Every structure is written in C-alpha cells, then in structure tokens.
Amino acid sequence: MSDPGPSPSPEQAAAGPSTFAASLALKQRAGGIVVPILTVILAFVMGGVVVAATQHSVHKALLA
C-alpha cells in the first residue's frame, strides 16, 4: 500500500472560498440582508416624495 500523505492543515481549509461557486454562495448569503435594508430606505424616500408632493408637514404625517 502507498502512504496517503499528510492531511491538509486546518489553516488551509479555513482560508476562505476557493472556488467560484463558493464565493458566489457567500455573496448571495451576504446579499440577503442588503435587499431588505435597501427596501426600507426606498420606502422612506417614497414616503417623503408623497408628503412633499401633497405639500403637507412631515411631522404631521409621521404623527398620524
């Protein structure tokens, strides 16, 4: 029988994604929080546009 050789060190395994698929999967997981945050920001901007278009007070709209 032949010697299978040394096993890879844990430091090499934890270096990060080495394949394109692994890096793409990481980006998709990270993108999971970006989309909701951008949606909230867009909603506030659109709310400001509606309040500005109707020429009402922002403070009255927020308190309603």
Protein backbone atom coordinates (compact mmCIF):
# COMPACT_ATOMS: atom_id res chain seq x y z
CA MET A 1 0.00 0.00 0.00
CA SER A 2 1.04 3.53 -0.55
CA ASP A 3 1.12 6.22 2.06
CA PRO A 4 -1.86 8.60 1.59
CA GLY A 5 0.29 11.56 2.58
CA PRO A 6 -0.25 14.23 5.18
CA SER A 7 -3.74 15.55 5.70
CA PRO A 8 -4.33 19.23 4.88
CA SER A 9 -3.85 21.58 7.77
CA PRO A 10 -6.92 23.32 9.24
CA GLU A 11 -5.41 26.71 8.40
CA GLN A 12 -5.65 25.96 4.69
CA ALA A 13 -9.25 24.80 4.96
CA ALA A 14 -10.34 27.99 6.76
CA ALA A 15 -8.67 30.32 4.26
CA GLY A 16 -11.99 31.16 2.57
CA PRO A 17 -13.89 30.15 -0.52
CA SER A 18 -11.52 28.89 -3.16
CA THR A 19 -13.96 28.14 -5.96
CA PHE A 20 -16.18 30.45 -7.93
CA ALA A 21 -19.29 28.64 -6.69
CA ALA A 22 -18.24 29.04 -3.06
CA SER A 23 -17.54 32.75 -3.44
CA LEU A 24 -20.85 33.23 -5.27
CA ALA A 25 -22.70 31.43 -2.47
CA LEU A 26 -21.03 33.72 0.08
CA LYS A 27 -22.08 36.81 -1.87
CA GLN A 28 -25.66 35.56 -2.10
CA ARG A 29 -25.81 34.96 1.65
CA ALA A 30 -24.42 38.44 2.29
CA GLY A 31 -26.91 39.91 -0.16
CA GLY A 32 -29.73 38.54 1.95
CA ILE A 33 -29.51 41.48 4.35
CA VAL A 34 -28.76 44.16 1.76
CA VAL A 35 -32.06 43.84 -0.11
CA PRO A 36 -34.32 44.39 2.94
CA ILE A 37 -32.25 47.38 4.05
CA LEU A 38 -32.46 48.94 0.59
CA THR A 39 -36.21 48.29 0.55
CA VAL A 40 -36.68 50.15 3.83
CA ILE A 41 -34.61 53.08 2.56
CA LEU A 42 -36.62 53.18 -0.67
CA ALA A 43 -39.89 53.12 1.29
CA PHE A 44 -38.82 56.11 3.39
CA VAL A 45 -37.72 58.02 0.29
CA MET A 46 -41.01 57.31 -1.47
CA GLY A 47 -42.92 58.36 1.65
CA GLY A 48 -41.00 61.64 1.63
CA VAL A 49 -41.85 62.14 -2.04
CA VAL A 50 -45.56 61.61 -1.34
CA VAL A 51 -45.51 64.02 1.61
CA ALA A 52 -43.62 66.61 -0.45
CA ALA A 53 -45.96 66.19 -3.43
CA THR A 54 -49.04 66.75 -1.27
CA GLN A 55 -47.32 69.72 0.44
CA HIS A 56 -48.13 68.51 3.93
CA SER A 57 -45.97 68.72 7.01
CA VAL A 58 -43.63 65.78 7.51
CA HIS A 59 -44.17 65.98 11.27
CA LYS A 60 -47.94 65.71 10.94
CA ALA A 61 -47.56 62.77 8.56
CA LEU A 62 -45.25 60.94 10.96
CA LEU A 63 -47.56 61.53 13.93
CA ALA A 64 -50.67 60.32 12.08
